[in-house]
Protein backbone atom coordinates (compact mmCIF):
# COMPACT_ATOMS: atom_id res chain seq x y z
CA MET A 1 176.04 38.79 -47.90
CA GLU A 2 175.95 35.33 -49.47
CA PHE A 3 177.15 32.54 -47.19
CA LEU A 4 180.07 31.47 -49.39
CA ASP A 5 181.22 35.08 -49.63
CA VAL A 6 181.29 35.21 -45.82
CA VAL A 7 183.40 32.02 -45.68
CA ARG A 8 185.83 33.30 -48.30
CA ARG A 9 186.19 36.71 -46.63
CA ARG A 10 186.79 35.35 -43.13
CA LYS A 11 190.14 36.41 -41.74
CA THR A 12 191.96 37.41 -38.58
CA THR A 13 192.09 41.12 -37.77
CA ASN A 14 195.68 42.17 -37.04
CA GLY A 15 194.90 45.89 -36.80
CA PRO A 16 192.87 48.14 -34.53
CA PHE A 17 189.09 48.31 -34.17
CA ARG A 18 186.85 51.31 -34.00
CA PRO A 19 186.35 52.50 -30.40
CA ASP A 20 182.55 52.16 -30.66
CA PRO A 21 181.05 49.74 -28.14
CA VAL A 22 179.73 46.51 -29.61
CA SER A 23 175.97 46.77 -29.49
CA GLU A 24 174.06 44.47 -27.16
CA GLU A 25 172.13 43.25 -30.21
CA HIS A 26 175.34 42.08 -31.86
CA GLN A 27 176.72 40.59 -28.64
CA ARG A 28 173.53 38.61 -28.24
CA LEU A 29 173.66 37.51 -31.90
CA LEU A 30 177.23 36.25 -31.53
CA MET A 31 176.26 34.22 -28.50
CA GLU A 32 173.19 32.86 -30.27
CA VAL A 33 175.18 31.55 -33.23
CA ALA A 34 177.76 30.06 -30.86
CA GLY A 35 175.00 28.22 -29.01
CA ARG A 36 173.64 26.82 -32.28
CA ALA A 37 176.85 24.90 -33.02
CA PRO A 38 176.71 21.09 -33.07
CA SER A 39 177.87 19.12 -30.03
CA GLN A 40 178.09 15.45 -29.13
CA LEU A 41 174.76 14.29 -27.64
CA ASN A 42 173.73 17.96 -27.56
CA SER A 43 176.06 18.36 -24.58
CA GLN A 44 176.73 22.06 -25.36
CA PRO A 45 179.98 22.11 -23.32
CA TRP A 46 180.86 25.73 -24.10
CA ARG A 47 180.59 28.69 -21.76
CA PHE A 48 181.44 32.30 -22.58
CA VAL A 49 182.35 35.43 -20.68
CA LEU A 50 181.80 38.76 -22.45
CA VAL A 51 184.12 41.50 -21.19
CA ASP A 52 183.42 45.17 -21.88
CA ASP A 53 184.66 46.59 -18.57
CA ARG A 54 187.47 48.97 -19.50
CA SER A 55 189.55 48.24 -16.40
CA VAL A 56 189.46 44.51 -17.08
CA ILE A 57 190.33 44.98 -20.76
CA ASP A 58 193.29 47.15 -19.78
CA GLN A 59 194.58 44.44 -17.45
CA VAL A 60 194.24 41.80 -20.17
CA ALA A 61 196.11 44.13 -22.52
CA GLU A 62 198.98 44.48 -20.05
CA ILE A 63 199.17 40.70 -19.60
CA SER A 64 199.07 40.09 -23.35
CA GLY A 65 201.64 42.76 -24.25
CA SER A 66 204.13 41.75 -21.57
CA SER A 67 203.70 38.09 -22.54
CA MET A 68 204.51 38.89 -26.17
CA THR A 69 207.64 40.82 -25.18
CA THR A 70 208.83 37.94 -22.98
CA ALA A 71 208.16 35.23 -25.58
CA MET A 72 209.88 37.26 -28.30
CA SER A 73 212.86 38.18 -26.10
CA ASN A 74 213.78 34.71 -24.92
CA GLY A 75 213.42 33.06 -28.33
CA THR A 76 210.75 30.54 -27.36
CA PHE A 77 208.19 31.96 -29.79
CA PHE A 78 210.47 31.82 -32.83
CA GLU A 79 211.74 28.36 -31.93
CA ARG A 80 208.22 27.00 -31.44
CA TYR A 81 206.69 28.44 -34.61
CA LYS A 82 209.58 28.76 -37.07
CA PRO A 83 208.03 26.20 -39.48
CA TYR A 84 205.26 28.73 -40.18
CA PHE A 85 207.29 31.93 -40.77
CA ARG A 86 207.74 33.19 -44.34
CA PHE A 87 209.84 36.18 -45.38
CA SER A 88 209.27 36.35 -49.15
CA ALA A 89 206.32 36.15 -51.52
CA ALA A 90 208.09 33.38 -53.43
CA GLU A 91 208.43 31.25 -50.29
CA MET A 92 204.78 31.85 -49.42
CA ALA A 93 203.66 30.94 -52.95
CA GLN A 94 205.67 27.73 -52.77
CA LYS A 95 204.51 26.54 -49.35
CA ARG A 96 201.02 28.10 -49.46
CA SER A 97 200.74 28.08 -45.67
CA GLY A 98 202.06 29.97 -42.66
CA MET A 99 202.50 33.72 -42.14
CA LEU A 100 204.21 36.08 -44.57
CA PHE A 101 206.00 38.90 -42.74
CA ASP A 102 205.53 41.43 -45.52
CA LYS A 103 205.80 44.61 -43.42
CA LEU A 104 208.99 45.15 -41.47
CA PRO A 105 210.98 48.25 -40.47
CA ALA A 106 213.92 48.86 -42.81
CA PRO A 107 216.59 48.08 -40.16
CA LEU A 108 215.15 44.60 -39.69
CA ARG A 109 214.87 43.50 -43.31
CA PRO A 110 218.51 42.45 -43.80
CA PHE A 111 218.30 40.12 -40.79
CA THR A 112 215.16 38.13 -41.61
CA LYS A 113 217.12 35.02 -42.60
CA GLN A 114 218.89 35.07 -39.24
CA VAL A 115 215.79 35.40 -37.09
CA PHE A 116 216.05 31.76 -35.96
CA THR A 117 219.70 31.98 -34.93
CA ALA A 118 221.27 33.16 -31.69
CA ARG A 119 222.82 36.09 -33.56
CA GLY A 120 219.45 37.02 -35.05
CA GLN A 121 217.79 36.91 -31.64
CA LYS A 122 220.52 39.12 -30.22
CA ILE A 123 220.10 41.67 -33.03
CA MET A 124 216.34 41.76 -32.55
CA ASN A 125 216.76 42.30 -28.82
CA GLN A 126 219.27 45.08 -29.43
CA LEU A 127 216.79 46.75 -31.80
CA ARG A 128 214.08 46.28 -29.14
CA VAL A 129 211.84 44.38 -31.53
CA PRO A 130 210.21 42.38 -28.68
CA GLN A 131 209.35 45.62 -26.88
CA THR A 132 207.92 47.13 -30.08
CA LEU A 133 205.78 44.07 -30.72
CA GLY A 134 204.65 43.87 -27.10
CA SER A 135 203.68 47.55 -27.08
CA GLU A 136 201.72 47.16 -30.33
CA ASN A 137 199.96 44.12 -28.95
CA ARG A 138 199.05 45.88 -25.71
CA LYS A 139 197.58 48.82 -27.67
CA LEU A 140 195.54 46.51 -29.90
CA VAL A 141 194.02 44.63 -26.98
CA ALA A 142 193.47 47.80 -24.92
CA GLY A 143 191.75 49.44 -27.88
CA SER A 144 189.29 46.58 -28.30
CA PRO A 145 185.75 47.32 -27.09
CA LEU A 146 184.94 43.67 -26.37
CA LEU A 147 186.79 40.56 -25.23
CA LEU A 148 185.38 37.06 -25.35
CA GLY A 149 186.59 34.32 -23.02
CA VAL A 150 185.80 30.80 -24.19
CA MET A 151 185.48 28.05 -21.59
CA LEU A 152 184.59 24.38 -21.48
CA ASP A 153 182.65 22.53 -18.80
CA ARG A 154 185.13 20.23 -17.03
CA ALA A 155 182.37 17.63 -16.70
CA GLU A 156 182.62 17.26 -20.49
CA TYR A 157 186.23 18.36 -21.08
CA ARG A 158 188.22 15.49 -19.54
CA PRO A 159 191.67 15.24 -21.18
CA GLY A 160 192.54 11.66 -22.03
CA GLN A 161 188.91 10.67 -22.54
CA LEU A 162 186.89 10.68 -25.74
CA SER A 163 184.57 13.34 -24.34
CA SER A 164 187.51 15.76 -24.38
CA PHE A 165 187.82 15.43 -28.16
CA TYR A 166 184.09 15.93 -28.58
CA SER A 167 184.22 19.05 -26.41
CA LEU A 168 187.12 20.58 -28.34
CA PHE A 169 185.42 19.79 -31.64
CA SER A 170 182.21 21.43 -30.42
CA MET A 171 184.08 24.50 -29.18
CA GLY A 172 185.74 24.88 -32.57
CA ALA A 173 182.37 24.71 -34.31
CA ALA A 174 180.92 27.31 -31.93
CA MET A 175 183.82 29.71 -32.53
CA GLU A 176 183.67 29.25 -36.29
CA ASN A 177 180.02 30.33 -36.12
CA VAL A 178 181.10 33.42 -34.16
CA TRP A 179 183.95 34.16 -36.57
CA LEU A 180 181.76 33.93 -39.66
CA THR A 181 179.09 36.08 -38.08
CA THR A 182 181.61 38.86 -37.41
CA VAL A 183 182.18 39.04 -41.17
CA GLU A 184 178.46 39.42 -41.80
CA ILE A 185 178.01 42.28 -39.28
CA GLY A 186 181.14 44.28 -40.08
CA MET A 187 183.25 43.17 -37.13
CA GLY A 188 186.73 41.74 -36.75
CA ILE A 189 188.18 39.19 -34.36
CA GLN A 190 191.62 38.07 -33.21
CA PHE A 191 192.89 35.39 -30.83
CA VAL A 192 194.66 36.82 -27.77
CA SER A 193 197.18 34.01 -27.59
CA PHE A 194 200.40 35.30 -26.06
CA PRO A 195 199.40 34.78 -22.41
CA MET A 196 199.45 31.07 -23.30
CA GLU A 197 203.10 31.32 -24.36
CA VAL A 198 204.51 32.42 -20.99
CA GLU A 199 204.23 30.37 -17.81
CA GLY A 200 201.84 31.81 -15.25
CA GLN A 201 200.23 34.41 -17.48
CA TRP A 202 197.18 32.35 -18.43
CA ASP A 203 196.49 31.81 -14.73
CA ARG A 204 196.30 35.57 -14.33
CA LEU A 205 193.47 35.67 -16.89
CA VAL A 206 191.68 32.82 -15.13
CA GLU A 207 191.81 34.82 -11.91
CA LEU A 208 190.84 38.08 -13.61
CA PHE A 209 187.74 36.49 -15.19
CA ALA A 210 186.89 34.66 -11.94
CA VAL A 211 186.66 31.36 -13.79
CA PRO A 212 185.22 28.76 -11.39
CA ASP A 213 186.87 25.39 -10.78
CA ASP A 214 184.29 23.52 -12.84
CA LEU A 215 185.21 25.44 -16.02
CA GLU A 216 188.43 25.52 -18.06
CA LEU A 217 189.42 28.77 -19.80
CA MET A 218 190.39 27.67 -23.31
CA ALA A 219 190.77 30.87 -25.35
CA VAL A 220 190.37 34.63 -25.31
CA TYR A 221 189.48 36.78 -28.32
CA ARG A 222 189.30 40.51 -28.94
CA LEU A 223 186.44 41.86 -31.07
CA GLY A 224 185.22 45.14 -32.46
CA TYR A 225 183.86 46.95 -35.47
CA LEU A 226 186.24 47.37 -38.40
CA PRO A 227 187.29 50.88 -39.42
CA GLU A 228 186.83 51.92 -43.04
CA GLN A 229 190.56 52.48 -43.33
CA SER A 230 193.36 51.29 -41.07
CA SER A 231 197.14 51.60 -41.14
CA ARG A 232 199.13 48.44 -40.57
CA PRO A 233 201.35 48.00 -37.50
CA ALA A 234 205.11 48.58 -37.84
CA ILE A 235 205.63 44.81 -37.94
CA ASP A 236 202.84 42.90 -39.63
CA TRP A 237 202.07 39.76 -41.58
CA SER A 238 199.50 38.30 -43.95
CA SER A 239 198.15 34.77 -44.18
CA HIS A 240 195.78 34.67 -47.15
CA GLU A 241 197.43 31.80 -49.03
CA ARG A 242 195.69 28.43 -48.92
CA ARG A 243 196.95 25.01 -49.91
CA LEU A 244 195.75 23.59 -53.22
CA PRO A 245 193.05 20.90 -52.99
CA SER A 246 195.55 18.29 -54.22
CA GLN A 247 197.65 19.05 -51.14
CA TYR A 248 194.95 18.25 -48.59
CA VAL A 249 192.18 16.25 -50.33
CA PHE A 250 192.41 12.56 -51.25
CA ARG A 251 190.10 10.33 -53.28
CA ASN A 252 189.07 6.91 -51.92
CA SER A 253 192.35 6.43 -50.04
CA CYS A 254 195.22 8.59 -48.85
CA ARG A 255 197.35 7.16 -51.67
CA THR A 256 195.45 9.20 -54.27
CA PRO A 257 195.49 13.03 -54.11
CA GLN A 258 192.43 14.70 -55.59
CA ALA A 259 193.10 15.62 -59.22
CA GLY A 260 191.60 18.34 -61.39
CA TRP A 261 190.52 20.82 -58.68
CA ASP A 262 193.62 22.95 -58.24
CA GLY A 263 192.70 25.47 -60.93
CA GLU A 264 189.11 25.99 -59.79
CA GLY A 265 187.52 28.33 -57.27
């Protein structure tokens, strides 16, 4: 596959993976490309833990699913991320960012405009939407043949110091290499983020992975091979829209948006 095709096809996998184990060859390749990312002074602050032990994956799945149910039930998730939720194609086309919830059960559709209100939260709880989402999330994580924990060396990652920025920048570059490589080898990847949303749940992952004191667990991803065909979850979203160049590129100063590029590409 051509490199630009890989970049343009990169996306997050919301659905299930095939149950096949990820080959050692591909695991090694993903770690190689991560290690080839740039880093300040060649500090290479990243560390990774590959998880293919079924019992550990199941425990991560339980933590993730229960975290999603909690965050959805108490309203913190919707309050925190409401600027990014879209419920119509017209709204998505206008804002060209965020997540379009384009697959919802029929009983929920009339209430999408109320999702950020107390009444909307109450209706969703009555319809057990948080439980549905949490169960779907648990199944997705449990059905993943490989998890990837991403850590930073605390000697380099020192919040409040410039080295912390360099470390985060380097980690992002390493993970982008991994993400792009999954496209090339027929795999998918998704951030397991909900344990971050609920107090105490991320600490459970730190303990489960036996992360030592000199490392900071920064992110966890689920990976696997993509099925030829896959049905979408009961509640799902898409995020393929991208801002136009004139909305994020400037010429010579931030007073002058880039002109003439919006119709290309």
